[in-house]
């Protein structure tokens, strides 16, 4: 039971009519800018300290700050793309997980949190690892849970501290998404008071990040599940699925996206819960980006679903016939997709490249740092289970490292070994 989440530094982020009805009080939400997927062209800020399994170094600890009445301003920091790595692999203490920022400011540097944050108490009692992302990215920092209630932050300059305390406990699992401006948080609570094997009652409340003021209950269900995965253009994006616990999968991916959103997504009004848009499962392949969400269909072919509700299927993309995980360039329109179980191609409305020559062996596209650098996950060979960056211009592959959630023989119970995003 291990799982790794990566979050692409240009995007994070729907659900279909089968999702539960929003129940709740209108409280107007002031969070404007799009979240994780919104500031797509901005260069990423980065770092902080963490103990990750080899080959990641263990940086020195950064003293935690006490709860802040309001999040402090974040120093500008070096410009460049940033990856957030979250590792829940078996090489770690099962009561912990690891976070690190890898940022590119002329060279690859790594920072993390020390000590590693604690898993939520309920995790050890659940049949499988919960699947929602463990982190949320605003326009300036990464937020992560430490234990059942402490919400902490990490900046690309290595600053870490306590943001606020959330309502949680040993029988609850929390999932959250912070607005890009660091003012609001969408908080999903999965209540397992009836037992760890019973279906949890799920509520989603949008409230002030610090202090929990101005709450709006937008979702309440005892039969279905939705959870926040990001913000876009001032609205909230929910992942939908039968529940938020991942199911085992024989191909190392329990769902075609890092959020376990097997039912697609819904974009909702963060103050009322009214559904503004529904994105179907065929357009829930891979990370959500500023440009939209990548699509894949049985029989071959990829495309793009924009936030305006338009779906465009790319001609000449029929070679993309092995749907594992698609990767959309943050600003679009290019989509990287498997053209066989091992080969990765790149497609857009006018062009296609069915095979990236620099990639040796079997690999899966995970996401883009920018329009020319693609993050992949090796599936075989000496680097199996590790990630690398493919530079399309230089035709080179640079290894990132990490052990992640991967085994050559075992059925993997983590929904996503890696997820990444940009600050």
Protein backbone atom coordinates (compact mmCIF):
# COMPACT_ATOMS: atom_id res chain seq x y z
CA UNK A 1 0.00 0.00 0.00
CA UNK A 2 2.07 2.80 -1.23
CA UNK A 3 1.46 5.55 -3.61
CA UNK A 4 3.15 8.53 -5.04
CA UNK A 5 1.61 11.67 -6.22
CA UNK A 6 3.19 14.21 -8.55
CA UNK A 7 1.60 17.47 -9.32
CA UNK A 8 2.31 19.31 -12.63
CA UNK A 9 3.38 22.81 -12.16
CA UNK A 10 1.00 24.18 -14.62
CA UNK A 11 -2.11 22.57 -13.55
CA UNK A 12 -4.23 20.81 -11.00
CA UNK A 13 -7.57 20.30 -11.14
CA UNK A 14 -15.29 17.69 -12.49
CA UNK A 15 -17.86 15.06 -12.11
CA UNK A 16 -20.98 13.97 -13.90
CA UNK A 17 -24.62 14.24 -13.13
CA UNK A 18 -24.32 11.09 -11.10
CA UNK A 19 -22.49 13.05 -8.39
CA UNK A 20 -24.29 14.04 -5.27
CA UNK A 21 -26.26 17.24 -5.22
CA UNK A 22 -24.69 20.27 -3.73
CA UNK A 23 -26.35 21.07 -0.50
CA UNK A 24 -25.60 24.34 0.97
CA UNK A 25 -25.39 27.67 1.99
CA UNK A 26 -24.42 30.39 -0.18
CA UNK A 27 -21.42 32.23 0.91
CA UNK A 28 -19.73 34.17 -1.66
CA UNK A 29 -16.26 33.04 -2.36
CA UNK A 30 -13.65 35.59 -3.05
CA UNK A 31 -11.08 33.31 -4.55
CA UNK A 32 -10.69 34.52 -8.04
CA UNK A 33 -7.81 33.27 -9.98
CA UNK A 34 -7.71 29.80 -11.34
CA UNK A 35 -5.96 27.35 -9.21
CA UNK A 36 -3.32 25.00 -10.00
CA UNK A 37 -4.25 25.00 -13.59
CA UNK A 38 -4.60 28.62 -13.93
CA UNK A 39 -1.30 30.35 -13.83
CA UNK A 40 0.00 28.22 -16.55
CA UNK A 41 2.55 30.33 -18.19
CA UNK A 42 4.08 31.78 -15.09
CA UNK A 43 7.48 30.45 -14.09
CA UNK A 44 7.44 28.30 -11.03
CA UNK A 45 8.69 29.11 -7.63
CA UNK A 46 10.01 26.26 -5.56
CA UNK A 47 11.55 24.42 -2.57
CA UNK A 48 11.63 23.22 0.99
CA UNK A 49 13.19 20.39 2.92
CA UNK A 50 12.42 16.62 3.13
CA UNK A 51 13.84 13.20 3.72
CA UNK A 52 13.23 11.13 0.62
CA UNK A 53 14.52 7.66 -0.16
CA UNK A 54 17.75 7.54 -2.12
CA UNK A 55 18.73 9.12 -4.45
CA UNK A 56 17.20 12.19 -2.80
CA UNK A 57 19.44 13.91 -0.26
CA UNK A 58 18.05 14.77 3.16
CA UNK A 59 18.15 18.53 3.52
CA UNK A 60 18.55 20.18 6.86
CA UNK A 61 15.41 20.86 8.87
CA UNK A 62 13.58 24.15 8.63
CA UNK A 63 12.02 25.40 11.86
CA UNK A 64 8.22 25.34 11.77
CA UNK A 65 6.37 28.56 12.28
CA UNK A 66 3.39 28.92 14.54
CA UNK A 67 -0.09 29.33 13.06
CA UNK A 68 -0.33 32.51 11.05
CA UNK A 69 -3.21 34.93 11.30
CA UNK A 70 -2.77 35.31 7.55
CA UNK A 71 -0.30 33.60 5.24
CA UNK A 72 2.95 35.60 5.13
CA UNK A 73 4.20 37.06 1.86
CA UNK A 74 6.39 34.68 -0.07
CA UNK A 75 9.81 35.85 -1.27
CA UNK A 76 10.09 35.90 -5.05
CA UNK A 77 12.71 33.17 -5.35
CA UNK A 78 14.46 31.99 -8.48
CA UNK A 79 12.40 31.65 -11.60
CA UNK A 80 11.92 28.29 -13.25
CA UNK A 81 9.70 25.27 -13.44
CA UNK A 82 9.06 23.28 -10.29
CA UNK A 83 7.91 19.75 -9.64
CA UNK A 84 6.23 18.62 -6.45
CA UNK A 85 6.94 15.01 -5.57
CA UNK A 86 4.92 13.10 -3.01
CA UNK A 87 6.19 9.66 -2.06
CA UNK A 88 4.26 7.06 -0.07
CA UNK A 89 6.43 4.13 -1.07
CA UNK A 90 7.29 1.12 1.07
CA UNK A 91 10.81 2.43 1.57
CA UNK A 92 9.36 4.97 4.01
CA UNK A 93 7.87 4.65 7.46
CA UNK A 94 4.21 3.73 6.65
CA UNK A 95 3.06 6.39 9.13
CA UNK A 96 4.76 9.10 7.04
CA UNK A 97 5.02 10.36 3.50
CA UNK A 98 7.67 12.50 1.82
CA UNK A 99 7.41 15.77 -0.09
CA UNK A 100 10.09 17.39 -2.19
CA UNK A 101 10.32 20.23 -4.67
CA UNK A 102 12.52 19.83 -7.70
CA UNK A 103 13.08 23.11 -9.46
CA UNK A 104 14.97 24.17 -12.51
CA UNK A 105 16.81 27.45 -12.30
CA UNK A 106 19.66 26.61 -14.63
CA UNK A 107 20.29 23.33 -12.80
CA UNK A 108 18.21 20.78 -10.99
CA UNK A 109 17.96 21.37 -7.25
CA UNK A 110 15.93 19.50 -4.64
CA UNK A 111 14.39 20.54 -1.35
CA UNK A 112 11.86 18.98 0.97
CA UNK A 113 10.38 18.98 4.45
CA UNK A 114 12.14 17.56 7.49
CA UNK A 115 10.89 15.66 9.31
CA UNK A 116 8.49 14.01 6.89
CA UNK A 117 4.80 14.78 7.48
CA UNK A 118 2.59 12.16 9.14
CA UNK A 119 -0.14 10.22 7.39
CA UNK A 120 -3.70 10.70 8.66
CA UNK A 121 -4.61 8.22 11.42
CA UNK A 122 -7.49 6.62 9.50
CA UNK A 123 -5.18 5.54 6.66
CA UNK A 124 -3.81 2.54 8.56
CA UNK A 125 -7.36 1.19 9.10
CA UNK A 126 -8.60 1.52 5.52
CA UNK A 127 -8.50 -1.46 3.12
CA UNK A 128 -6.42 0.54 0.62
CA UNK A 129 -4.61 3.84 0.41
CA UNK A 130 -6.93 6.86 -0.07
CA UNK A 131 -6.42 8.36 -3.49
CA UNK A 132 -7.00 12.14 -3.42
CA UNK A 133 -3.85 14.25 -3.81
CA UNK A 134 -1.97 14.77 -0.56
CA UNK A 135 -0.98 18.29 -1.51
CA UNK A 136 -2.55 21.41 -3.00
CA UNK A 137 -0.75 24.14 -4.92
CA UNK A 138 -1.62 27.83 -4.88
CA UNK A 139 0.14 30.44 -6.98
CA UNK A 140 2.89 30.77 -4.38
CA UNK A 141 3.19 27.66 -2.23
CA UNK A 142 2.47 23.99 -1.67
CA UNK A 143 0.07 23.00 1.12
CA UNK A 144 0.14 19.59 2.80
CA UNK A 145 -1.42 17.83 5.78
CA UNK A 146 0.73 16.75 8.69
CA UNK A 147 -1.30 14.27 10.73
CA UNK A 148 -5.05 14.59 11.14
CA UNK A 149 -5.48 18.36 11.37
CA UNK A 150 -2.31 20.41 10.78
CA UNK A 151 -2.21 22.11 7.39
CA UNK A 152 1.32 23.22 6.59
CA UNK A 153 2.88 25.10 3.70
CA UNK A 154 6.12 24.88 1.75
CA UNK A 155 7.56 27.52 -0.60
CA UNK A 156 10.13 27.16 -3.33
CA UNK A 157 12.53 29.15 -1.16
CA UNK A 158 12.57 26.42 1.47
CA UNK A 159 10.24 28.13 3.95
CA UNK A 160 7.84 25.83 5.77
CA UNK A 161 5.35 26.44 8.55
CA UNK A 162 1.91 25.84 9.98
CA UNK A 163 -0.90 27.59 8.08
CA UNK A 164 -3.94 26.53 10.10
CA UNK A 165 -5.64 23.67 11.91
CA UNK A 166 -8.45 21.86 10.09
CA UNK A 167 -11.40 19.99 11.60
CA UNK A 168 -10.37 16.35 11.47
CA UNK A 169 -9.84 13.35 13.68
CA UNK A 170 -8.91 9.66 13.83
CA UNK A 171 -12.10 8.49 12.07
CA UNK A 172 -11.99 11.08 9.27
CA UNK A 173 -10.00 11.45 6.07
CA UNK A 174 -9.45 14.99 4.76
CA UNK A 175 -8.93 16.05 1.16
CA UNK A 176 -8.52 19.69 0.17
CA UNK A 177 -7.72 22.30 -2.48
CA UNK A 178 -6.49 25.81 -1.67
CA UNK A 179 -7.43 28.72 -3.94
CA UNK A 180 -4.63 30.33 -5.99
CA UNK A 181 -4.72 33.51 -3.88
CA UNK A 182 -4.29 31.58 -0.60
CA UNK A 183 -7.58 32.91 0.78
CA UNK A 184 -10.04 30.01 0.56
CA UNK A 185 -9.91 26.25 0.97
CA UNK A 186 -12.30 23.56 -0.26
CA UNK A 187 -12.29 20.84 2.38
CA UNK A 188 -13.74 17.36 1.85
CA UNK A 189 -14.30 15.26 4.96
CA UNK A 190 -14.79 11.51 4.56
CA UNK A 191 -16.37 10.40 7.83
CA UNK A 192 -15.68 6.77 8.73
CA UNK A 193 -17.43 6.88 12.11
CA UNK A 194 -19.49 3.85 11.03
CA UNK A 195 -16.29 1.85 10.51
CA UNK A 196 -13.31 1.77 8.17
CA UNK A 197 -14.99 -0.73 5.82
CA UNK A 198 -18.32 1.13 5.68
CA UNK A 199 -19.11 3.73 3.01
CA UNK A 200 -18.14 7.12 4.43
CA UNK A 201 -20.41 10.15 4.60
CA UNK A 202 -18.85 12.90 2.49
CA UNK A 203 -19.16 16.66 2.91
CA UNK A 204 -17.34 19.47 1.10
CA UNK A 205 -17.15 22.91 2.66
CA UNK A 206 -15.51 25.98 1.16
CA UNK A 207 -14.24 28.35 3.83
CA UNK A 208 -11.55 30.88 4.64
CA UNK A 209 -8.14 29.25 4.65
CA UNK A 210 -7.15 30.68 8.01
CA UNK A 211 -9.82 30.61 10.70
CA UNK A 212 -12.48 28.71 8.71
CA UNK A 213 -14.77 31.75 8.41
CA UNK A 214 -17.48 32.30 5.76
CA UNK A 215 -18.22 28.58 5.32
CA UNK A 216 -20.38 27.27 2.46
CA UNK A 217 -21.45 23.63 2.54
CA UNK A 218 -21.61 22.68 -1.13
CA UNK A 219 -21.72 18.88 -1.06
CA UNK A 220 -23.23 16.32 1.28
CA UNK A 221 -23.73 12.63 0.46
CA UNK A 222 -23.76 9.26 2.20
CA UNK A 223 -23.91 7.28 -1.05
CA UNK A 224 -21.49 8.86 -3.54
CA UNK A 225 -18.16 10.61 -3.37
CA UNK A 226 -16.63 13.79 -4.73
CA UNK A 227 -13.50 15.60 -3.62
CA UNK A 228 -11.73 18.84 -4.58
CA UNK A 229 -8.68 18.63 -6.81
CA UNK A 230 -8.14 22.28 -7.76
CA UNK A 231 -9.55 25.62 -8.86
CA UNK A 232 -9.99 27.07 -12.33
CA UNK A 233 -11.01 30.62 -13.17
CA UNK A 234 -12.40 31.18 -9.69
CA UNK A 235 -14.43 27.96 -9.68
CA UNK A 236 -13.82 24.66 -7.92
CA UNK A 237 -13.01 21.38 -9.66
CA UNK A 238 -14.27 18.15 -8.10
CA UNK A 239 -13.15 14.63 -8.95
CA UNK A 240 -15.87 11.99 -9.02
CA UNK A 241 -15.67 8.29 -8.32
CA UNK A 242 -17.40 5.51 -6.42
CA UNK A 243 -15.22 6.40 -3.45
CA UNK A 244 -11.85 7.97 -2.81
CA UNK A 245 -10.02 4.73 -2.01
CA UNK A 246 -8.10 3.41 -4.95
CA UNK A 247 -8.81 0.02 -6.44
CA UNK A 248 -5.97 -2.29 -7.51
CA UNK A 249 -5.07 -2.27 -11.17
CA UNK A 250 -2.94 -4.66 -13.18
CA UNK A 251 -1.30 -1.88 -15.21
CA UNK A 252 0.03 0.15 -12.28
CA UNK A 253 -2.66 2.80 -12.72
CA UNK A 254 -6.00 2.31 -11.00
CA UNK A 255 -7.47 5.32 -12.81
CA UNK A 256 -6.53 7.21 -15.99
CA UNK A 257 -5.77 10.35 -13.95
CA UNK A 258 -3.86 11.08 -10.73
CA UNK A 259 -7.04 11.96 -8.82
CA UNK A 260 -8.79 8.57 -9.09
CA UNK A 261 -11.61 10.43 -10.84
CA UNK A 262 -13.02 7.42 -12.69
CA UNK A 263 -16.34 9.27 -13.06
CA UNK A 264 -14.80 12.39 -14.60
CA UNK A 265 -14.99 15.88 -13.09
CA UNK A 266 -17.40 18.65 -12.27
CA UNK A 267 -16.67 22.35 -12.21
CA UNK A 268 -18.84 23.93 -9.49
CA UNK A 269 -19.57 27.34 -8.05
CA UNK A 270 -17.54 27.47 -4.81
CA UNK A 271 -20.21 29.44 -2.95
CA UNK A 272 -23.31 27.42 -3.92
CA UNK A 273 -22.11 24.10 -5.30
CA UNK A 274 -24.09 24.65 -8.52
CA UNK A 275 -22.62 22.53 -11.30
CA UNK A 276 -21.23 24.71 -14.10
CA UNK A 277 -19.67 22.04 -16.30
CA UNK A 278 -19.31 18.26 -16.41
CA UNK A 279 -16.30 16.59 -17.99
CA UNK A 280 -16.87 12.96 -18.96
CA UNK A 281 -14.46 10.11 -18.12
CA UNK A 282 -13.09 9.97 -21.69
CA UNK A 283 -11.71 13.46 -21.12
CA UNK A 284 -10.28 12.68 -17.70
CA UNK A 285 -7.02 11.13 -18.86
CA UNK A 286 -4.04 12.67 -17.11
CA UNK A 287 -3.53 15.92 -15.27
CA UNK A 288 -5.92 18.82 -15.57
CA UNK A 289 -4.18 21.85 -17.04
CA UNK A 290 -4.81 25.53 -17.69
CA UNK A 291 -5.80 24.68 -21.26
CA UNK A 292 -8.26 21.98 -20.18
CA UNK A 293 -8.16 18.21 -19.76
CA UNK A 294 -6.65 15.62 -22.12
CA UNK A 295 -8.98 13.09 -23.79
CA UNK A 296 -8.48 9.54 -25.06
CA UNK A 297 -10.90 7.12 -26.71
CA UNK A 298 -11.00 3.40 -27.21
CA UNK A 299 -9.66 2.43 -30.62
CA UNK A 300 -7.06 5.19 -30.59
CA UNK A 301 -7.04 8.94 -30.69
CA UNK A 302 -6.45 11.82 -28.32
CA UNK A 303 -7.89 15.27 -27.96
CA UNK A 304 -8.52 18.23 -25.70
CA UNK A 305 -11.53 19.29 -23.63
CA UNK A 306 -11.29 23.03 -22.94
CA UNK A 307 -12.78 24.84 -19.94
CA UNK A 308 -15.17 26.43 -22.40
CA UNK A 309 -16.76 23.00 -22.88
CA UNK A 310 -15.39 22.27 -26.37
CA UNK A 311 -13.91 18.83 -27.16
CA UNK A 312 -11.55 18.56 -30.13
CA UNK A 313 -10.30 15.17 -31.30
CA UNK A 314 -6.99 15.26 -33.15
CA UNK A 315 -6.83 13.77 -36.64
CA UNK A 316 -3.71 11.65 -37.24
CA UNK A 317 -3.62 10.58 -33.57
CA UNK A 318 -4.96 7.06 -34.17
CA UNK A 319 -1.56 5.63 -33.24
CA UNK A 320 -2.30 6.72 -29.66
CA UNK A 321 -4.13 3.49 -29.04
CA UNK A 322 -2.87 2.43 -25.62
CA UNK A 323 -4.60 4.60 -23.03
CA UNK A 324 -2.66 4.61 -19.77
CA UNK A 325 -2.12 8.25 -18.97
CA UNK A 326 -2.15 11.23 -21.32
CA UNK A 327 -0.23 14.47 -20.74
CA UNK A 328 -1.47 17.84 -21.99
CA UNK A 329 0.93 20.77 -22.40
CA UNK A 330 -0.23 23.34 -19.79
CA UNK A 331 -1.31 25.90 -22.37
CA UNK A 332 -2.19 23.25 -24.96
CA UNK A 333 -2.73 21.96 -27.47
CA UNK A 334 -0.11 19.16 -27.60
CA UNK A 335 -0.91 15.83 -25.92
CA UNK A 336 1.67 13.12 -25.17
CA UNK A 337 0.21 9.63 -25.26
CA UNK A 338 1.30 6.01 -25.52
CA UNK A 339 1.35 4.83 -29.12
CA UNK A 340 2.06 1.31 -27.80
CA UNK A 341 2.52 -0.12 -24.30
CA UNK A 342 5.99 1.43 -24.28
CA UNK A 343 6.33 4.10 -26.98
CA UNK A 344 5.21 7.69 -26.39
CA UNK A 345 4.05 10.00 -29.16
CA UNK A 346 3.11 13.70 -29.24
CA UNK A 347 -0.02 14.95 -31.03
CA UNK A 348 -1.78 18.23 -31.78
CA UNK A 349 -4.53 19.21 -34.25
CA UNK A 350 -2.09 19.56 -37.16
CA UNK A 351 0.94 17.40 -36.35
CA UNK A 352 1.91 14.06 -34.94
CA UNK A 353 5.09 12.36 -33.75
CA UNK A 354 4.33 8.71 -33.06
CA UNK A 355 7.61 7.86 -31.34
CA UNK A 356 10.03 9.92 -29.21
CA UNK A 357 13.40 8.45 -30.13
CA UNK A 358 15.19 9.57 -26.96
CA UNK A 359 13.06 7.30 -24.74
CA UNK A 360 14.55 3.86 -24.30
CA UNK A 361 12.34 1.02 -23.09
CA UNK A 362 8.77 1.17 -21.83
CA UNK A 363 7.54 4.47 -20.35
CA UNK A 364 4.38 6.44 -19.66
CA UNK A 365 3.87 10.20 -20.13
CA UNK A 366 3.03 11.91 -16.84
CA UNK A 367 3.02 15.64 -17.63
CA UNK A 368 4.90 18.61 -19.03
CA UNK A 369 7.20 21.11 -17.33
CA UNK A 370 6.81 23.32 -20.40
CA UNK A 371 6.00 22.75 -24.07
CA UNK A 372 9.36 21.10 -24.79
CA UNK A 373 10.12 19.13 -21.61
CA UNK A 374 8.04 16.06 -20.81
CA UNK A 375 8.11 14.10 -17.55
CA UNK A 376 7.86 10.34 -18.03
CA UNK A 377 7.79 7.32 -15.75
CA UNK A 378 9.97 4.35 -16.68
CA UNK A 379 8.13 1.04 -16.62
CA UNK A 380 11.04 -1.33 -17.19
CA UNK A 381 14.83 -1.54 -17.27
CA UNK A 382 17.30 -0.28 -14.64
CA UNK A 383 15.20 2.83 -13.92
CA UNK A 384 11.84 1.06 -13.57
CA UNK A 385 9.48 3.00 -11.32
CA UNK A 386 11.50 6.20 -11.59
CA UNK A 387 10.83 9.44 -13.41
CA UNK A 388 12.82 11.38 -15.96
CA UNK A 389 12.59 14.57 -18.00
CA UNK A 390 12.66 14.27 -21.79
CA UNK A 391 14.02 17.34 -23.61
CA UNK A 392 12.47 17.23 -27.08
CA UNK A 393 14.83 19.84 -28.51
CA UNK A 394 18.04 18.20 -27.25
CA UNK A 395 16.62 14.67 -27.70
CA UNK A 396 17.91 13.71 -24.24
CA UNK A 397 16.49 12.06 -21.13
CA UNK A 398 17.52 13.28 -17.67
CA UNK A 399 16.77 11.03 -14.70
CA UNK A 400 15.00 12.53 -11.68
CA UNK A 401 15.13 9.45 -9.46
CA UNK A 402 12.85 8.28 -6.67
CA UNK A 403 11.52 4.81 -5.99
CA UNK A 404 7.81 5.59 -5.97
CA UNK A 405 4.97 3.12 -6.04
CA UNK A 406 6.10 0.44 -8.45
CA UNK A 407 6.73 -3.28 -8.56
CA UNK A 408 7.45 -5.49 -11.54
CA UNK A 409 5.23 -8.26 -10.22
CA UNK A 410 2.76 -6.99 -7.62
CA UNK A 411 -0.66 -5.58 -8.39
CA UNK A 412 -0.34 -1.93 -7.49
CA UNK A 413 -2.91 -0.52 -5.09
CA UNK A 414 -1.88 3.10 -5.39
CA UNK A 415 -3.90 5.09 -7.92
CA UNK A 416 -0.97 7.14 -9.12
CA UNK A 417 2.72 6.74 -8.58
CA UNK A 418 3.40 10.33 -9.39
CA UNK A 419 1.70 13.60 -10.00
CA UNK A 420 3.24 17.01 -10.58
CA UNK A 421 2.46 20.64 -11.13
CA UNK A 422 3.89 24.15 -11.36
CA UNK A 423 3.81 26.98 -8.84
